[in-house]
Protein backbone atom coordinates (compact mmCIF):
# COMPACT_ATOMS: atom_id res chain seq x y z
CA MET A 1 -3.72 120.93 178.88
CA SER A 2 -5.68 117.77 178.44
CA ILE A 3 -4.18 114.92 176.43
CA ILE A 4 -7.35 114.88 174.36
CA PRO A 5 -7.60 118.13 172.37
CA SER A 6 -10.79 120.12 172.15
CA ALA A 7 -12.57 119.23 168.91
CA ILE A 8 -14.37 121.84 166.83
CA SER A 9 -16.12 121.64 163.51
CA ILE A 10 -15.01 123.63 160.49
CA THR A 11 -18.46 125.23 160.52
CA ASP A 12 -18.01 126.38 164.14
CA LEU A 13 -14.54 127.68 163.31
CA ARG A 14 -15.98 129.76 160.48
CA LYS A 15 -18.70 131.19 162.73
CA GLN A 16 -16.57 131.78 165.84
CA SER A 17 -12.98 132.07 164.58
CA ALA A 18 -12.22 135.08 166.82
CA TYR A 19 -13.32 133.13 169.90
CA PHE A 20 -11.21 130.07 169.07
CA LEU A 21 -8.15 132.16 168.20
CA ALA A 22 -8.50 134.11 171.44
CA ASN A 23 -8.60 130.87 173.45
CA LEU A 24 -5.74 129.11 171.63
CA PRO A 25 -3.06 130.06 174.19
CA LYS A 26 -5.14 128.42 176.94
CA GLU A 27 -6.16 125.33 174.95
CA LYS A 28 -2.85 124.94 172.99
CA LEU A 29 -4.63 123.19 170.13
CA TYR A 30 -8.00 122.36 168.62
CA LEU A 31 -8.74 119.28 166.58
CA LEU A 32 -10.62 120.38 163.44
CA LEU A 33 -13.45 118.13 162.30
CA GLN A 34 -15.11 118.02 158.91
CA ASN A 35 -18.13 115.75 158.60
CA SER A 36 -17.26 114.41 162.09
CA LYS A 37 -13.82 113.25 160.89
CA PRO A 38 -10.48 114.74 161.96
CA LYS A 39 -9.10 116.95 159.17
CA GLY A 40 -6.50 119.16 160.81
CA VAL A 41 -5.29 120.96 163.90
CA LEU A 42 -5.36 124.61 164.91
CA VAL A 43 -2.26 125.15 167.08
CA ASP A 44 -1.06 127.99 169.29
CA LEU A 45 2.15 129.43 167.81
CA GLU A 46 4.19 129.15 171.03
CA TYR A 47 3.05 125.55 171.45
CA LEU A 48 4.08 124.77 167.85
CA GLN A 49 7.52 126.28 168.45
CA MET A 50 7.89 124.18 171.61
CA LEU A 51 6.92 121.04 169.68
CA GLN A 52 9.42 121.86 166.91
CA GLU A 53 12.23 122.36 169.45
CA ALA A 54 11.35 119.09 171.17
CA TYR A 55 11.41 117.29 167.81
CA GLU A 56 14.80 118.81 166.93
CA ASP A 57 16.12 117.67 170.33
CA TYR A 58 14.80 114.18 169.62
CA LEU A 59 16.58 114.11 166.24
CA ASP A 60 19.80 115.27 167.93
CA ILE A 61 19.50 112.42 170.44
CA LEU A 62 19.02 109.92 167.61
CA ALA A 63 22.11 111.26 165.81
CA TYR A 64 24.12 111.09 169.04
CA ASP A 65 23.01 107.51 169.70
CA LYS A 66 24.02 106.55 166.16
CA ALA A 67 27.42 108.26 166.52
CA ILE A 68 28.11 106.48 169.82
CA ASP A 69 27.91 103.12 168.01
CA GLU A 70 30.48 104.10 165.37
CA PRO A 71 33.91 102.45 165.72
CA LYS A 72 36.52 104.51 167.50
CA ILE A 73 40.20 104.88 166.59
CA SER A 74 43.06 106.39 168.54
CA TRP A 75 44.36 109.87 167.78
CA GLN A 76 47.72 108.40 166.69
CA ARG A 77 46.08 106.07 164.21
CA TYR A 78 43.94 108.91 162.84
CA LYS A 79 47.05 111.04 162.27
CA GLN A 80 48.75 108.14 160.49
CA ARG A 81 45.76 107.64 158.18
CA SER A 82 45.54 111.37 157.50
CA ARG A 83 49.22 111.53 156.51
CA LYS A 84 48.81 108.64 154.08
CA LYS A 85 45.85 110.36 152.37
CA VAL A 86 47.80 113.61 151.93
CA GLN A 87 50.85 111.89 150.39
């Protein structure tokens, strides 16, 4: 897949929707233009799922990086603090 998506007009999509839908798996996405301006994207379902999984992985990495920077305490100290809260 090219970095630059194939661009199609809304008018062309209306006229040839079956063609564009049939070619989505090969193209992965089409940039939709209205009055020569980008208005949306038509995306292959498998490609969308892959993008969503990649984004979720990215969010997990951010959460991990944030957790790594949190202060650490020993197990003994944690147990002592826990006992004090219970009493």
